[in-house]
Structure formats: C-alpha cells, structure tokens
Amino acid sequence: MVNGQVSGVPVWNASYRVDVWASTWRYGRGVDQTASRPTPQQLLARRRRARQSRRALILRRLGVLAAALAVPAIAAETAFEPEIPQAPASTVEPLGFETPGESFPGSAFYYLQDAPALAAPAFTPAGTATGTADLAQPAQPGIGPAAAALVAMGSGSDIVRAQECLATAIYYEAASESDAGQRAVAQVVLNRVAHSAWPDTVCGVVYQGSARRTGCQFTFTCDGSLARRPSRGGWERASRIARAALAGSVYDPVGLSTHYHTLAVHPYWAPSLSRTTVIGAHVFYRWPGAAGEPAAFTFRYGGGEPQPGRAAPAAIAQAQGPDPVALAQASSLSAVPDVSETSATGGNAAGVAPQPAPSAANRLPKAGAVRSEYANSGRWIERP
C-alpha cells in the first residue's frame, strides 16, 4: 500500500471516514441532513419555547410550595381559635359633634360639659388608714335658685316677634355652641325679661342700647354682625330652641344667671358677680345679694313686643342698661331699679303702649305699628 493505494485500487482516507461518521451521528442515522438544517428564526423560536417551559415549571413548583405552607397555617388558625364570650352590645347615643350639620372643626371641646360625669373609686394606698387626711375639694360654682317657666302668651305678632328676637340672640351669640350652650343663652335672655332691671319684652332686652356706640347689651346688635346673613341650618336650630324656651322650657343649669361672657374676654364686672357655671365657651354669672334673689324676678309675659332689629324704637335703642357693679352691691329690693313696670302714662320700658284685650267686635291683633289707612284690613266691608 503506497499513499492510500493498494495494488493500484484507491481506498478512503481515514480522516474522511471520521468526517462521514460524525456527520451521520449528528444529523441522522446514517443519513446526511445538512440540507435540512434549521434557520436562525426557528432556533430563536425553539429557545423562546424552552425558556417559557422552564418559567412555567418554576411557577408550578412555587405554587406547590406556597400551598404546602399556607394550608397548615389556615387550618391551625381556624382549628385552635378559642371561643370568647362577647358581652351584649350597648346602644350609645351620638354626641352633638358626631351629628352631621351640628359641628365645626374643634367643636368637640365645647361638648365636654354635656358628657356625663364618671365616678372613679377613691385610691387608698396599702397600709394607709382611711380618714387620716382630708383632701381639699375644688370650689364648685353656685348655680343658686332655679328659674321659673316663662310662657309667651299674647297676640300673634307679639309671639312672632318674641321668637324672632330670641332666635336672633341665640344664633349670633351661640351659633357654634351645643344645644346646651344655646339653651343657656336663651335662658339668660328670659331671665332678663323677668327681672325688674330690664324691659319686660324679649325684643326690648335683646336690642337695648343697640344704637349706642358703647353699652349695647348684646354685642351683635351694635358691631355689624347683623349684616351677616345666618345659615339656614343654624337659623332653624336656633328657632327651634327659641320656640321651646318661649313655650315654658327652663334650662336649670344656669339658674337665675343674667350675665355671661366668652372665655376669650374678662369684663370689668366679672369679679363683682357670682359665677354660676361654664357651658361651652361661655361663663355665666348671677347677681349676688338682693338683685339676684327670686323676688326680683317676675316670670310673667305681658306682650307688647316692639319692632325688632333696626326698626326698634329709640327708647330701646338709646336706652342704657343697668350697671352690673352697682346692682351687685344692692342690699334690698328697694335699691333695685324697676324699669319693667308700666308707668302712669300708659307706656312701658320699651316705649310701647300696652295692648287692650280684644273685644267681641274687634278680634284682630293689635301690634301698635299698623298705619291708620290699613287699620280695617281683613274685616268684612258689609255683612252678606
């Protein structure tokens, strides 16, 4: 054999035989498939499918692992949960600041006075004998005698005017207060109506001194607050409390209080009067001595309400109220002025003549402000 030839017959080279065997093993069983090799796009698709299958396998294994961990935990929570008996639910009435339409930011502070007082048991240290030391109790405000009911009875115009004036005072003085705070303001107004030192009408008390630069009894009547139109909900709430107060409702916590001020001020007369209570943002006072005794009050309504607001008579708008410091020193009822009694000329402190009782032929209410040409309005021209 010389150079791969035996006796002149050519044979395959060994390296060629190895290449043929490798090709056969790689592309088929004895068949050369070099002509059917996959394209690059097919190889990319195969790799993409392979990656997706591996990801699906991993997700399945993770799901099986999560189930294996969660099932025992859920079973243990439901199987070993102890049964605890629950007390029956009690009905809790919402406070004022929890009621929509009756609150404002920070109003919860003013409702603290309405919350019931909780009695806490006294703490006695171990080994200490009871009664060995008496703790000083804080001074409690003296409410004093309670007010009586004042029922507005009279002509229709008198009742309407009284309700309007009282609702105006409640709204502009305590619109942001709770029902207790508004009832307290209404009771102070009615206490002044019943006191001999003030006019005996609601509008006369509210608008007394309203035309004076200083000395108006209620600041909203002389500081321009009336130019601010009241809200509908606030006015309806104030009107409801005014109607109840004029129907005989008495707010006992303020007693016979005739003065109050907000927590933001300290008037000159505050040290001379007796403090009764604090409700919301207002501190209430009553007169000490004879001016604050029940004998100085007459809870009887006689009507004769003047025009409210800017139409109030000059006798009311220019009137000066009683001096709180001077009356606080009164030692007898004779030293207390009586401006509510009807004078001999037929006028009262409000400058309005008292209305005679309607006769059988004339049952129309007399308001004292009807022009003469309209005096017969509403009557029959002639009987049919």
Foldseek 3Di string as FASTA:
>chain_A
DPPQDDPNHHDDDPVVVVVQVVQCVPPHPSDRDPVPDDDPVVVVVVVVVVVVVVVVVVVVVVVVVVVVVPVVVVCCCVPPDDDDDDDDDDDDDDFQCVDPPQADVPLVVLCPVVDDDDDDDDDDDPPDDPPPDDDDDDDAAALPAADWFFADDDAPVLVVQLLVLQLVQLCVVPLNHDPLVSLLSSQLLLLQLFFQQFAVGSQLLQQFQLQPCDFGPRVCSNPVVVVDDDDPSSSVSSSVSSNVRNHGDTNGQNGSWNDKDFPVDDDPLVVLFGWRDDRRRMTTTAAPAASRDPVRGDSYHQTLDADHHPRQDPLRNNHHGDDRNQRSPDHHPVSRHGQHDQDPVQAGSSRGGRDDCADPVGHHGDNRPDDPVCPCPPDDPDDD
